[in-house]
């Protein structure tokens, strides 16, 4: 396996680099913090509202930030990557 293949495998399976963890769930957790829902439908309604009101660049910014995080992981040979 070549150096690039090995680095790609580290990046693709590295738990510190799951984009959903550091870009998606943080803001969602902050948004939902302190809220209580009477029913599952109330929660679903709030989630839909949150998604509908996201800035148009929300996912673009998260995806674009992956490159620097992947590079950090490669430079650390798969070591822990801080935000």
C-alpha atoms as a PDB file:
ATOM      1  CA  UNK A   1       0.000   0.000   0.000  1.00  0.00           C
ATOM      2  CA  UNK A   2       1.421   3.396  -0.972  1.00  0.00           C
ATOM      3  CA  UNK A   3       1.807   6.402   1.304  1.00  0.00           C
ATOM      4  CA  UNK A   4      -1.202   8.167  -0.205  1.00  0.00           C
ATOM      5  CA  UNK A   5      -3.407   5.074   0.066  1.00  0.00           C
ATOM      6  CA  UNK A   6      -2.391   4.596   3.703  1.00  0.00           C
ATOM      7  CA  UNK A   7      -3.029   8.251   4.556  1.00  0.00           C
ATOM      8  CA  UNK A   8      -6.406   8.123   2.859  1.00  0.00           C
ATOM      9  CA  UNK A   9      -7.396   5.074   4.901  1.00  0.00           C
ATOM     10  CA  UNK A  10      -6.409   6.813   8.138  1.00  0.00           C
ATOM     11  CA  UNK A  11      -8.445   9.863   7.194  1.00  0.00           C
ATOM     12  CA  UNK A  12     -11.534   7.997   6.065  1.00  0.00           C
ATOM     13  CA  UNK A  13     -11.883   5.952   9.249  1.00  0.00           C
ATOM     14  CA  UNK A  14     -10.515   8.421  11.793  1.00  0.00           C
ATOM     15  CA  UNK A  15     -13.197   9.213  14.412  1.00  0.00           C
ATOM     16  CA  UNK A  16     -11.835  12.708  15.052  1.00  0.00           C
ATOM     17  CA  UNK A  17     -12.638  13.689  11.492  1.00  0.00           C
ATOM     18  CA  UNK A  18     -16.315  12.898  11.227  1.00  0.00           C
ATOM     19  CA  UNK A  19     -17.581  16.169   9.795  1.00  0.00           C
ATOM     20  CA  UNK A  20     -21.006  15.656  11.286  1.00  0.00           C
ATOM     21  CA  UNK A  21     -19.551  15.538  14.783  1.00  0.00           C
ATOM     22  CA  UNK A  22     -17.772  18.864  14.800  1.00  0.00           C
ATOM     23  CA  UNK A  23     -19.792  20.901  12.353  1.00  0.00           C
ATOM     24  CA  UNK A  24     -23.337  19.631  12.411  1.00  0.00           C
ATOM     25  CA  UNK A  25     -24.112  18.322  15.876  1.00  0.00           C
ATOM     26  CA  UNK A  26     -22.463  21.149  17.846  1.00  0.00           C
ATOM     27  CA  UNK A  27     -24.727  23.882  16.489  1.00  0.00           C
ATOM     28  CA  UNK A  28     -27.747  21.580  16.643  1.00  0.00           C
ATOM     29  CA  UNK A  29     -26.998  20.746  20.274  1.00  0.00           C
ATOM     30  CA  UNK A  30     -26.666  24.449  21.116  1.00  0.00           C
ATOM     31  CA  UNK A  31     -29.945  25.182  19.355  1.00  0.00           C
ATOM     32  CA  UNK A  32     -31.855  22.443  21.159  1.00  0.00           C
ATOM     33  CA  UNK A  33     -30.188  23.077  24.530  1.00  0.00           C
ATOM     34  CA  UNK A  34     -32.745  23.615  27.271  1.00  0.00           C
ATOM     35  CA  UNK A  35     -35.720  22.807  25.069  1.00  0.00           C
ATOM     36  CA  UNK A  36     -38.269  20.191  26.065  1.00  0.00           C
ATOM     37  CA  UNK A  37     -40.680  18.539  23.682  1.00  0.00           C
ATOM     38  CA  UNK A  38     -44.076  17.137  24.545  1.00  0.00           C
ATOM     39  CA  UNK A  39     -44.178  14.843  21.541  1.00  0.00           C
ATOM     40  CA  UNK A  40     -41.899  13.420  18.883  1.00  0.00           C
ATOM     41  CA  UNK A  41     -43.797  15.532  16.348  1.00  0.00           C
ATOM     42  CA  UNK A  42     -42.836  18.677  18.289  1.00  0.00           C
ATOM     43  CA  UNK A  43     -39.178  17.665  18.093  1.00  0.00           C
ATOM     44  CA  UNK A  44     -39.441  16.894  14.385  1.00  0.00           C
ATOM     45  CA  UNK A  45     -41.099  20.251  13.789  1.00  0.00           C
ATOM     46  CA  UNK A  46     -38.291  22.072  15.606  1.00  0.00           C
ATOM     47  CA  UNK A  47     -35.640  20.145  13.672  1.00  0.00           C
ATOM     48  CA  UNK A  48     -37.302  21.030  10.377  1.00  0.00           C
ATOM     49  CA  UNK A  49     -37.454  24.659  11.460  1.00  0.00           C
ATOM     50  CA  UNK A  50     -33.742  24.602  12.347  1.00  0.00           C
ATOM     51  CA  UNK A  51     -32.803  23.078   8.987  1.00  0.00           C
ATOM     52  CA  UNK A  52     -35.015  25.520   7.089  1.00  0.00           C
ATOM     53  CA  UNK A  53     -33.330  28.470   8.792  1.00  0.00           C
ATOM     54  CA  UNK A  54     -29.708  27.379   8.378  1.00  0.00           C
ATOM     55  CA  UNK A  55     -27.480  29.836   6.576  1.00  0.00           C
ATOM     56  CA  UNK A  56     -27.015  28.827   2.939  1.00  0.00           C
ATOM     57  CA  UNK A  57     -23.263  28.426   3.544  1.00  0.00           C
ATOM     58  CA  UNK A  58     -23.578  26.169   6.614  1.00  0.00           C
ATOM     59  CA  UNK A  59     -22.733  22.886   4.898  1.00  0.00           C
ATOM     60  CA  UNK A  60     -20.281  24.429   2.424  1.00  0.00           C
ATOM     61  CA  UNK A  61     -18.221  25.829   5.301  1.00  0.00           C
ATOM     62  CA  UNK A  62     -18.253  22.478   7.100  1.00  0.00           C
ATOM     63  CA  UNK A  63     -17.176  20.543   4.037  1.00  0.00           C
ATOM     64  CA  UNK A  64     -14.475  23.062   3.151  1.00  0.00           C
ATOM     65  CA  UNK A  65     -12.997  22.817   6.666  1.00  0.00           C
ATOM     66  CA  UNK A  66     -12.416  19.086   6.216  1.00  0.00           C
ATOM     67  CA  UNK A  67      -9.316  19.608   4.085  1.00  0.00           C
ATOM     68  CA  UNK A  68      -7.330  21.270   6.872  1.00  0.00           C
ATOM     69  CA  UNK A  69      -8.527  18.714   9.447  1.00  0.00           C
ATOM     70  CA  UNK A  70      -7.584  15.816   7.165  1.00  0.00           C
ATOM     71  CA  UNK A  71      -4.168  17.371   6.567  1.00  0.00           C
ATOM     72  CA  UNK A  72      -3.620  17.690  10.343  1.00  0.00           C
ATOM     73  CA  UNK A  73      -4.523  14.027  10.783  1.00  0.00           C
ATOM     74  CA  UNK A  74      -2.136  12.971   8.022  1.00  0.00           C
ATOM     75  CA  UNK A  75       0.653  15.115   9.489  1.00  0.00           C
ATOM     76  CA  UNK A  76       0.079  13.498  12.895  1.00  0.00           C
ATOM     77  CA  UNK A  77       0.023  10.008  11.307  1.00  0.00           C
ATOM     78  CA  UNK A  78      -3.528   9.446  12.491  1.00  0.00           C
ATOM     79  CA  UNK A  79      -3.093  11.099  15.900  1.00  0.00           C
ATOM     80  CA  UNK A  80      -5.797  13.042  17.718  1.00  0.00           C
ATOM     81  CA  UNK A  81      -6.995  16.188  15.933  1.00  0.00           C
ATOM     82  CA  UNK A  82      -8.347  19.122  17.934  1.00  0.00           C
ATOM     83  CA  UNK A  83     -10.941  21.443  16.398  1.00  0.00           C
END
